[in-house]
C-alpha atoms as a PDB file:
ATOM      1  CA  MET A   1      31.435  18.305  39.792  1.00  0.00           C
ATOM      2  CA  ARG A   2      29.865  21.629  38.839  1.00  0.00           C
ATOM      3  CA  ILE A   3      28.204  22.151  42.202  1.00  0.00           C
ATOM      4  CA  GLU A   4      31.567  21.944  43.995  1.00  0.00           C
ATOM      5  CA  ALA A   5      32.935  24.640  41.697  1.00  0.00           C
ATOM      6  CA  MET A   6      29.782  26.746  42.088  1.00  0.00           C
ATOM      7  CA  ARG A   7      29.621  26.888  45.890  1.00  0.00           C
ATOM      8  CA  PRO A   8      32.703  29.137  46.446  1.00  0.00           C
ATOM      9  CA  TYR A   9      31.542  31.484  43.681  1.00  0.00           C
ATOM     10  CA  ALA A  10      28.077  31.801  45.213  1.00  0.00           C
ATOM     11  CA  ASP A  11      29.523  32.397  48.675  1.00  0.00           C
ATOM     12  CA  ARG A  12      31.862  35.091  47.375  1.00  0.00           C
ATOM     13  CA  MET A  13      28.974  36.728  45.521  1.00  0.00           C
ATOM     14  CA  LEU A  14      27.084  36.912  48.814  1.00  0.00           C
ATOM     15  CA  GLU A  15      30.093  38.510  50.519  1.00  0.00           C
ATOM     16  CA  LEU A  16      30.365  41.064  47.718  1.00  0.00           C
ATOM     17  CA  MET A  17      26.663  41.854  48.012  1.00  0.00           C
ATOM     18  CA  ALA A  18      26.927  42.289  51.776  1.00  0.00           C
ATOM     19  CA  GLY A  19      29.978  44.539  51.546  1.00  0.00           C
ATOM     20  CA  THR A  20      28.437  46.740  48.877  1.00  0.00           C
ATOM     21  CA  ALA A  21      25.135  46.990  50.763  1.00  0.00           C
ATOM     22  CA  ARG A  22      26.886  48.043  53.989  1.00  0.00           C
ATOM     23  CA  ALA A  23      28.816  50.689  52.071  1.00  0.00           C
ATOM     24  CA  SER A  24      25.604  52.213  50.736  1.00  0.00           C
ATOM     25  CA  THR A  25      23.385  54.741  52.458  1.00  0.00           C
ATOM     26  CA  SER A  26      20.186  54.170  50.461  1.00  0.00           C
ATOM     27  CA  VAL A  27      19.985  50.520  49.515  1.00  0.00           C
ATOM     28  CA  ARG A  28      16.400  50.256  50.717  1.00  0.00           C
ATOM     29  CA  GLY A  29      15.295  52.244  47.692  1.00  0.00           C
ATOM     30  CA  LEU A  30      16.186  49.435  45.323  1.00  0.00           C
ATOM     31  CA  PRO A  31      13.104  47.426  44.269  1.00  0.00           C
ATOM     32  CA  LEU A  32      14.617  44.001  45.005  1.00  0.00           C
ATOM     33  CA  LEU A  33      15.684  45.088  48.487  1.00  0.00           C
ATOM     34  CA  GLN A  34      12.424  46.635  49.608  1.00  0.00           C
ATOM     35  CA  GLN A  35      11.020  44.931  52.682  1.00  0.00           C
ATOM     36  CA  ARG A  36       7.238  44.600  52.750  1.00  0.00           C
ATOM     37  CA  ASP A  37       5.426  45.743  55.894  1.00  0.00           C
ATOM     38  CA  GLU A  38       2.961  42.875  55.506  1.00  0.00           C
ATOM     39  CA  VAL A  39       3.473  39.543  53.764  1.00  0.00           C
ATOM     40  CA  ASN A  40       0.177  38.590  52.130  1.00  0.00           C
ATOM     41  CA  LYS A  41       1.326  36.631  49.081  1.00  0.00           C
ATOM     42  CA  VAL A  42       4.159  34.082  49.098  1.00  0.00           C
ATOM     43  CA  ALA A  43       5.609  32.474  45.978  1.00  0.00           C
ATOM     44  CA  LEU A  44       6.618  28.853  46.572  1.00  0.00           C
ATOM     45  CA  VAL A  45       9.182  27.455  44.137  1.00  0.00           C
ATOM     46  CA  PRO A  46       9.652  23.679  44.525  1.00  0.00           C
ATOM     47  CA  ILE A  47      12.698  22.495  42.574  1.00  0.00           C
ATOM     48  CA  ALA A  48      12.682  18.773  41.793  1.00  0.00           C
ATOM     49  CA  GLY A  49      13.080  16.459  38.791  1.00  0.00           C
ATOM     50  CA  ASP A  50      11.466  15.875  35.428  1.00  0.00           C
ATOM     51  CA  ARG A  51      11.434  12.108  35.934  1.00  0.00           C
ATOM     52  CA  GLY A  52      11.129   9.555  38.707  1.00  0.00           C
ATOM     53  CA  LEU A  53      13.111   6.395  39.527  1.00  0.00           C
ATOM     54  CA  SER A  54      15.119   8.366  42.083  1.00  0.00           C
ATOM     55  CA  GLY A  55      13.837   7.146  45.435  1.00  0.00           C
ATOM     56  CA  PRO A  56      12.453   9.843  47.743  1.00  0.00           C
ATOM     57  CA  PHE A  57      14.161  12.677  45.829  1.00  0.00           C
ATOM     58  CA  ASN A  58      10.985  14.185  44.364  1.00  0.00           C
ATOM     59  CA  SER A  59       8.545  13.176  47.076  1.00  0.00           C
ATOM     60  CA  GLN A  60      10.446  14.755  49.959  1.00  0.00           C
ATOM     61  CA  VAL A  61      10.520  18.148  48.231  1.00  0.00           C
ATOM     62  CA  ILE A  62       6.822  17.890  47.391  1.00  0.00           C
ATOM     63  CA  ARG A  63       5.926  16.891  50.955  1.00  0.00           C
ATOM     64  CA  ARG A  64       7.873  19.816  52.401  1.00  0.00           C
ATOM     65  CA  VAL A  65       6.415  22.398  50.029  1.00  0.00           C
ATOM     66  CA  LEU A  66       2.857  21.146  50.629  1.00  0.00           C
ATOM     67  CA  SER A  67       3.503  21.392  54.357  1.00  0.00           C
ATOM     68  CA  LEU A  68       4.627  25.002  53.862  1.00  0.00           C
ATOM     69  CA  ASP A  69       1.498  25.648  51.813  1.00  0.00           C
ATOM     70  CA  ARG A  70      -0.755  24.402  54.633  1.00  0.00           C
ATOM     71  CA  ARG A  71       1.092  26.517  57.203  1.00  0.00           C
ATOM     72  CA  LEU A  72       0.961  29.677  55.076  1.00  0.00           C
ATOM     73  CA  ARG A  73      -2.726  29.256  54.289  1.00  0.00           C
ATOM     74  CA  GLY A  74      -3.361  28.671  57.976  1.00  0.00           C
ATOM     75  CA  GLU A  75      -1.752  32.073  58.607  1.00  0.00           C
ATOM     76  CA  GLY A  76      -4.112  33.659  56.089  1.00  0.00           C
ATOM     77  CA  LYS A  77      -1.536  34.107  53.327  1.00  0.00           C
ATOM     78  CA  GLU A  78      -2.069  33.460  49.625  1.00  0.00           C
ATOM     79  CA  VAL A  79       0.312  31.062  47.894  1.00  0.00           C
ATOM     80  CA  VAL A  80       1.570  31.569  44.337  1.00  0.00           C
ATOM     81  CA  TRP A  81       3.022  28.424  42.738  1.00  0.00           C
ATOM     82  CA  ILE A  82       6.041  28.401  40.403  1.00  0.00           C
ATOM     83  CA  PRO A  83       7.299  24.796  40.174  1.00  0.00           C
ATOM     84  CA  VAL A  84      10.593  23.848  38.534  1.00  0.00           C
ATOM     85  CA  GLY A  85      10.485  20.294  37.175  1.00  0.00           C
ATOM     86  CA  ARG A  86       7.728  18.134  35.673  1.00  0.00           C
ATOM     87  CA  LYS A  87       7.215  16.087  38.843  1.00  0.00           C
ATOM     88  CA  PRO A  88       6.234  18.962  41.179  1.00  0.00           C
ATOM     89  CA  ALA A  89       4.270  20.659  38.402  1.00  0.00           C
ATOM     90  CA  GLY A  90       2.314  17.466  37.711  1.00  0.00           C
ATOM     91  CA  THR A  91       1.573  16.929  41.397  1.00  0.00           C
ATOM     92  CA  LEU A  92       0.317  20.486  41.813  1.00  0.00           C
ATOM     93  CA  ARG A  93      -1.871  20.302  38.715  1.00  0.00           C
ATOM     94  CA  PHE A  94      -3.288  16.974  39.945  1.00  0.00           C
ATOM     95  CA  ARG A  95      -4.241  18.727  43.186  1.00  0.00           C
ATOM     96  CA  ARG A  96      -5.877  21.472  41.090  1.00  0.00           C
ATOM     97  CA  TYR A  97      -3.536  24.257  42.158  1.00  0.00           C
ATOM     98  CA  ARG A  98      -3.220  27.189  39.770  1.00  0.00           C
ATOM     99  CA  LEU A  99       0.357  27.712  38.570  1.00  0.00           C
ATOM    100  CA  ALA A 100       1.608  31.240  37.954  1.00  0.00           C
ATOM    101  CA  ALA A 101       4.444  29.752  35.861  1.00  0.00           C
ATOM    102  CA  GLU A 102       6.347  26.504  35.483  1.00  0.00           C
ATOM    103  CA  PHE A 103       9.774  25.523  34.205  1.00  0.00           C
ATOM    104  CA  SER A 104      10.926  22.072  33.138  1.00  0.00           C
ATOM    105  CA  GLY A 105      13.115  20.139  30.738  1.00  0.00           C
ATOM    106  CA  PHE A 106      16.482  21.108  32.204  1.00  0.00           C
ATOM    107  CA  THR A 107      16.585  19.771  35.771  1.00  0.00           C
ATOM    108  CA  ASP A 108      18.992  16.930  34.907  1.00  0.00           C
ATOM    109  CA  GLU A 109      21.583  19.242  33.344  1.00  0.00           C
ATOM    110  CA  PRO A 110      20.726  22.858  34.257  1.00  0.00           C
ATOM    111  CA  ARG A 111      22.499  25.745  32.566  1.00  0.00           C
ATOM    112  CA  TYR A 112      22.997  29.267  33.811  1.00  0.00           C
ATOM    113  CA  ALA A 113      20.523  30.478  31.181  1.00  0.00           C
ATOM    114  CA  ASP A 114      17.860  28.300  32.824  1.00  0.00           C
ATOM    115  CA  ALA A 115      18.533  29.951  36.177  1.00  0.00           C
ATOM    116  CA  GLN A 116      18.302  33.356  34.502  1.00  0.00           C
ATOM    117  CA  ALA A 117      14.854  32.555  33.108  1.00  0.00           C
ATOM    118  CA  VAL A 118      13.518  31.494  36.513  1.00  0.00           C
ATOM    119  CA  ALA A 119      15.205  34.425  38.287  1.00  0.00           C
ATOM    120  CA  HIS A 120      13.730  36.919  35.827  1.00  0.00           C
ATOM    121  CA  LYS A 121      10.213  35.640  36.506  1.00  0.00           C
ATOM    122  CA  LEU A 122      10.664  35.732  40.285  1.00  0.00           C
ATOM    123  CA  ALA A 123      12.167  39.223  40.224  1.00  0.00           C
ATOM    124  CA  GLU A 124       9.315  40.425  38.000  1.00  0.00           C
ATOM    125  CA  LEU A 125       6.689  39.099  40.396  1.00  0.00           C
ATOM    126  CA  TYR A 126       8.412  40.700  43.374  1.00  0.00           C
ATOM    127  CA  THR A 127       9.133  44.117  41.855  1.00  0.00           C
ATOM    128  CA  GLU A 128       5.562  44.378  40.569  1.00  0.00           C
ATOM    129  CA  SER A 129       4.288  43.561  44.098  1.00  0.00           C
ATOM    130  CA  GLU A 130       2.473  40.450  42.902  1.00  0.00           C
ATOM    131  CA  VAL A 131       4.204  38.540  45.718  1.00  0.00           C
ATOM    132  CA  ASP A 132       5.715  39.713  48.993  1.00  0.00           C
ATOM    133  CA  ARG A 133       8.130  36.842  49.527  1.00  0.00           C
ATOM    134  CA  VAL A 134       9.737  34.152  47.369  1.00  0.00           C
ATOM    135  CA  THR A 135      10.710  30.814  48.921  1.00  0.00           C
ATOM    136  CA  ILE A 136      12.549  28.051  47.079  1.00  0.00           C
ATOM    137  CA  VAL A 137      12.527  24.425  48.246  1.00  0.00           C
ATOM    138  CA  TYR A 138      15.108  21.988  46.902  1.00  0.00           C
ATOM    139  CA  ASN A 139      17.416  19.105  47.780  1.00  0.00           C
ATOM    140  CA  SER A 140      20.945  20.052  48.820  1.00  0.00           C
ATOM    141  CA  PHE A 141      23.607  17.511  47.903  1.00  0.00           C
ATOM    142  CA  VAL A 142      25.408  16.027  50.906  1.00  0.00           C
ATOM    143  CA  SER A 143      26.468  12.646  49.495  1.00  0.00           C
ATOM    144  CA  PRO A 144      25.084  10.069  47.043  1.00  0.00           C
ATOM    145  CA  LEU A 145      23.243   8.565  50.013  1.00  0.00           C
ATOM    146  CA  VAL A 146      22.066  11.795  51.656  1.00  0.00           C
ATOM    147  CA  GLN A 147      20.063  14.694  50.208  1.00  0.00           C
ATOM    148  CA  ARG A 148      18.899  17.410  52.589  1.00  0.00           C
ATOM    149  CA  VAL A 149      15.701  19.351  51.870  1.00  0.00           C
ATOM    150  CA  THR A 150      16.511  23.068  52.012  1.00  0.00           C
ATOM    151  CA  VAL A 151      14.026  25.928  52.391  1.00  0.00           C
ATOM    152  CA  PHE A 152      15.439  29.330  51.430  1.00  0.00           C
ATOM    153  CA  ASP A 153      13.820  32.769  51.135  1.00  0.00           C
ATOM    154  CA  ILE A 154      15.474  34.193  48.051  1.00  0.00           C
ATOM    155  CA  LEU A 155      13.388  37.399  48.074  1.00  0.00           C
ATOM    156  CA  PRO A 156      13.433  39.732  49.830  1.00  0.00           C
ATOM    157  CA  LEU A 157      17.109  39.538  50.626  1.00  0.00           C
ATOM    158  CA  SER A 158      18.169  39.032  54.210  1.00  0.00           C
ATOM    159  CA  GLU A 159      18.104  42.010  56.545  1.00  0.00           C
ATOM    160  CA  ASP A 160      21.783  41.336  57.238  1.00  0.00           C
ATOM    161  CA  LEU A 161      22.610  42.757  53.818  1.00  0.00           C
ATOM    162  CA  LEU A 162      20.880  46.013  54.711  1.00  0.00           C
ATOM    163  CA  GLU A 163      22.653  46.677  57.994  1.00  0.00           C
ATOM    164  CA  THR A 164      24.889  49.745  57.790  1.00  0.00           C
ATOM    165  CA  ASP A 165      27.051  51.274  60.464  1.00  0.00           C
ATOM    166  CA  ALA A 166      26.251  54.831  61.491  1.00  0.00           C
ATOM    167  CA  GLU A 167      29.817  55.989  60.801  1.00  0.00           C
ATOM    168  CA  GLU A 168      29.769  54.427  57.353  1.00  0.00           C
ATOM    169  CA  GLN A 169      26.633  56.365  56.458  1.00  0.00           C
ATOM    170  CA  GLU A 170      28.492  59.646  57.048  1.00  0.00           C
ATOM    171  CA  ARG A 171      31.365  58.779  54.736  1.00  0.00           C
ATOM    172  CA  ASP A 172      31.657  59.930  51.141  1.00  0.00           C
ATOM    173  CA  THR A 173      32.434  57.706  48.168  1.00  0.00           C
ATOM    174  CA  THR A 174      35.509  56.408  49.994  1.00  0.00           C
ATOM    175  CA  HIS A 175      34.170  53.600  52.202  1.00  0.00           C
ATOM    176  CA  GLY A 176      36.803  52.026  54.416  1.00  0.00           C
ATOM    177  CA  ASP A 177      39.672  50.832  52.226  1.00  0.00           C
ATOM    178  CA  PHE A 178      37.598  50.821  49.043  1.00  0.00           C
ATOM    179  CA  ILE A 179      36.620  53.518  46.579  1.00  0.00           C
ATOM    180  CA  PHE A 180      33.404  52.632  44.758  1.00  0.00           C
ATOM    181  CA  GLU A 181      33.066  53.743  41.158  1.00  0.00           C
ATOM    182  CA  PRO A 182      30.246  54.062  40.277  1.00  0.00           C
ATOM    183  CA  GLU A 183      28.333  54.591  43.515  1.00  0.00           C
ATOM    184  CA  PRO A 184      27.512  51.530  45.671  1.00  0.00           C
ATOM    185  CA  GLU A 185      23.803  51.907  44.927  1.00  0.00           C
ATOM    186  CA  GLU A 186      24.424  51.614  41.185  1.00  0.00           C
ATOM    187  CA  ILE A 187      26.771  48.675  41.646  1.00  0.00           C
ATOM    188  CA  LEU A 188      24.257  46.967  43.903  1.00  0.00           C
ATOM    189  CA  GLU A 189      21.452  47.556  41.415  1.00  0.00           C
ATOM    190  CA  ARG A 190      23.486  45.658  38.824  1.00  0.00           C
ATOM    191  CA  LEU A 191      24.564  42.941  41.256  1.00  0.00           C
ATOM    192  CA  LEU A 192      21.141  42.109  42.670  1.00  0.00           C
ATOM    193  CA  PRO A 193      19.777  40.319  39.575  1.00  0.00           C
ATOM    194  CA  VAL A 194      23.090  38.464  39.197  1.00  0.00           C
ATOM    195  CA  TYR A 195      22.942  37.435  42.856  1.00  0.00           C
ATOM    196  CA  ILE A 196      19.435  36.007  42.447  1.00  0.00           C
ATOM    197  CA  GLU A 197      20.490  34.174  39.285  1.00  0.00           C
ATOM    198  CA  THR A 198      23.551  32.795  41.094  1.00  0.00           C
ATOM    199  CA  GLU A 199      21.530  31.537  44.046  1.00  0.00           C
ATOM    200  CA  LEU A 200      19.010  29.894  41.738  1.00  0.00           C
ATOM    201  CA  TYR A 201      21.773  28.325  39.669  1.00  0.00           C
ATOM    202  CA  ARG A 202      23.322  26.934  42.834  1.00  0.00           C
ATOM    203  CA  ALA A 203      19.934  25.509  43.875  1.00  0.00           C
ATOM    204  CA  LEU A 204      19.477  23.924  40.434  1.00  0.00           C
ATOM    205  CA  LEU A 205      22.948  22.357  40.554  1.00  0.00           C
ATOM    206  CA  GLU A 206      22.425  21.134  44.122  1.00  0.00           C
ATOM    207  CA  SER A 207      19.139  19.583  43.035  1.00  0.00           C
ATOM    208  CA  ALA A 208      20.667  17.981  39.930  1.00  0.00           C
ATOM    209  CA  ALA A 209      23.555  16.505  41.925  1.00  0.00           C
ATOM    210  CA  SER A 210      21.110  15.240  44.542  1.00  0.00           C
ATOM    211  CA  LYS A 211      18.977  13.607  41.874  1.00  0.00           C
ATOM    212  CA  HIS A 212      21.911  11.806  40.297  1.00  0.00           C
ATOM    213  CA  GLY A 213      22.992  10.578  43.730  1.00  0.00           C
ATOM    214  CA  ALA A 214      19.450   9.466  44.560  1.00  0.00           C
ATOM    215  CA  GLN A 215      19.166   7.649  41.227  1.00  0.00           C
ATOM    216  CA  MET A 216      22.465   5.842  41.820  1.00  0.00           C
ATOM    217  CA  THR A 217      21.289   4.767  45.265  1.00  0.00           C
ATOM    218  CA  ALA A 218      17.858   3.735  44.005  1.00  0.00           C
ATOM    219  CA  MET A 219      19.317   1.687  41.129  1.00  0.00           C
ATOM    220  CA  ARG A 220      21.842   0.037  43.437  1.00  0.00           C
ATOM    221  CA  ASN A 221      19.098  -0.869  45.893  1.00  0.00           C
ATOM    222  CA  ALA A 222      16.897  -2.121  43.060  1.00  0.00           C
ATOM    223  CA  SER A 223      19.729  -4.298  41.712  1.00  0.00           C
ATOM    224  CA  LYS A 224      20.419  -5.649  45.195  1.00  0.00           C
ATOM    225  CA  ASN A 225      16.736  -6.415  45.790  1.00  0.00           C
ATOM    226  CA  ALA A 226      16.442  -8.036  42.365  1.00  0.00           C
ATOM    227  CA  GLY A 227      19.474 -10.211  43.102  1.00  0.00           C
ATOM    228  CA  GLU A 228      18.033 -11.301  46.435  1.00  0.00           C
ATOM    229  CA  LEU A 229      14.686 -12.052  44.770  1.00  0.00           C
ATOM    230  CA  ILE A 230      16.399 -14.118  42.075  1.00  0.00           C
ATOM    231  CA  ASP A 231      18.277 -16.121  44.728  1.00  0.00           C
ATOM    232  CA  THR A 232      15.069 -16.718  46.701  1.00  0.00           C
ATOM    233  CA  LEU A 233      13.083 -17.789  43.627  1.00  0.00           C
ATOM    234  CA  THR A 234      15.937 -19.989  42.387  1.00  0.00           C
ATOM    235  CA  LEU A 235      16.085 -21.751  45.745  1.00  0.00           C
ATOM    236  CA  ALA A 236      12.299 -22.234  45.748  1.00  0.00           C
ATOM    237  CA  MET A 237      12.413 -23.580  42.177  1.00  0.00           C
ATOM    238  CA  ASN A 238      15.206 -26.029  43.039  1.00  0.00           C
ATOM    239  CA  ARG A 239      13.309 -27.240  46.085  1.00  0.00           C
ATOM    240  CA  ALA A 240      10.128 -27.737  44.050  1.00  0.00           C
ATOM    241  CA  ARG A 241      12.026 -29.600  41.328  1.00  0.00           C
ATOM    242  CA  GLN A 242      13.779 -31.764  43.901  1.00  0.00           C
ATOM    243  CA  ALA A 243      10.461 -32.579  45.576  1.00  0.00           C
ATOM    244  CA  GLU A 244       8.965 -33.543  42.199  1.00  0.00           C
ATOM    245  CA  ILE A 245      11.936 -35.797  41.392  1.00  0.00           C
ATOM    246  CA  THR A 246      11.719 -37.400  44.823  1.00  0.00           C
ATOM    247  CA  GLN A 247       7.998 -38.013  44.323  1.00  0.00           C
ATOM    248  CA  GLU A 248       8.612 -39.662  40.941  1.00  0.00           C
ATOM    249  CA  ILE A 249      11.293 -41.907  42.437  1.00  0.00           C
ATOM    250  CA  LEU A 250       8.936 -42.950  45.225  1.00  0.00           C
ATOM    251  CA  GLU A 251       6.245 -43.778  42.674  1.00  0.00           C
ATOM    252  CA  VAL A 252       8.677 -45.903  40.619  1.00  0.00           C
ATOM    253  CA  VAL A 253       9.853 -47.749  43.722  1.00  0.00           C
ATOM    254  CA  ALA A 254       6.281 -48.337  44.863  1.00  0.00           C
ATOM    255  CA  GLY A 255       5.377 -49.662  41.405  1.00  0.00           C
ATOM    256  CA  ALA A 256       8.350 -52.019  41.388  1.00  0.00           C
ATOM    257  CA  ASP A 257       7.451 -53.323  44.840  1.00  0.00           C
ATOM    258  CA  ALA A 258       3.888 -53.986  43.658  1.00  0.00           C
ATOM    259  CA  LEU A 259       5.130 -56.052  40.692  1.00  0.00           C
ATOM    260  CA  THR A 260       7.431 -58.226  42.797  1.00  0.00           C
ATOM    261  CA  ALA A 261       4.875 -58.833  45.536  1.00  0.00           C
END
């Protein structure tokens, strides 16, 4: 499964990002790492499916993201919508929300290029200060029976990546056991877009795996329910037919008794 192969890569990418950030003395100058003093606009990115017939897969993501929307608006923040998948996009349009962008058509079998397209749009909104935070909401795959709704702030990056030790800040290009060439800031500037793409690709794969699991469970439950319904209706039909036959026999016997009386 692609998601199982993707998880170690994404985790290692995060470790590389953290190590490079701690080796740098001026990471806060990078646009994608700038922390906003005030968060006024939040981009919500619900990732769900293009189709239904998958149990609560789509609805639980939509419920969670709408709950986030109510909480953010209650705090006086403006919400910018960027849905991924026809189902969340359709729900938001039905509720008359304005969409800053939408992506669909690939949620069943996402490719890395799809993650790049979404990541580029999110990074553009953040670097141009059109949003102050980007939150993605998707289903994480646990098992075919269990999908866990995950809420993750993909931008700005966690403060943990920006923590640097005072002694490290005084070092030259030799940081610990590593020599960075080019400088850590330049490396980090190249890694940041790749990191965002990687995290989005992982979310898309988690969502796709969750959907397939939810569809399997929903179809199995539907087949089981259909089988039980068939058994119930067959039993009712047999009982009705037996009652009709019994009634006809009683009428024949009653008629014969009347003739012999």
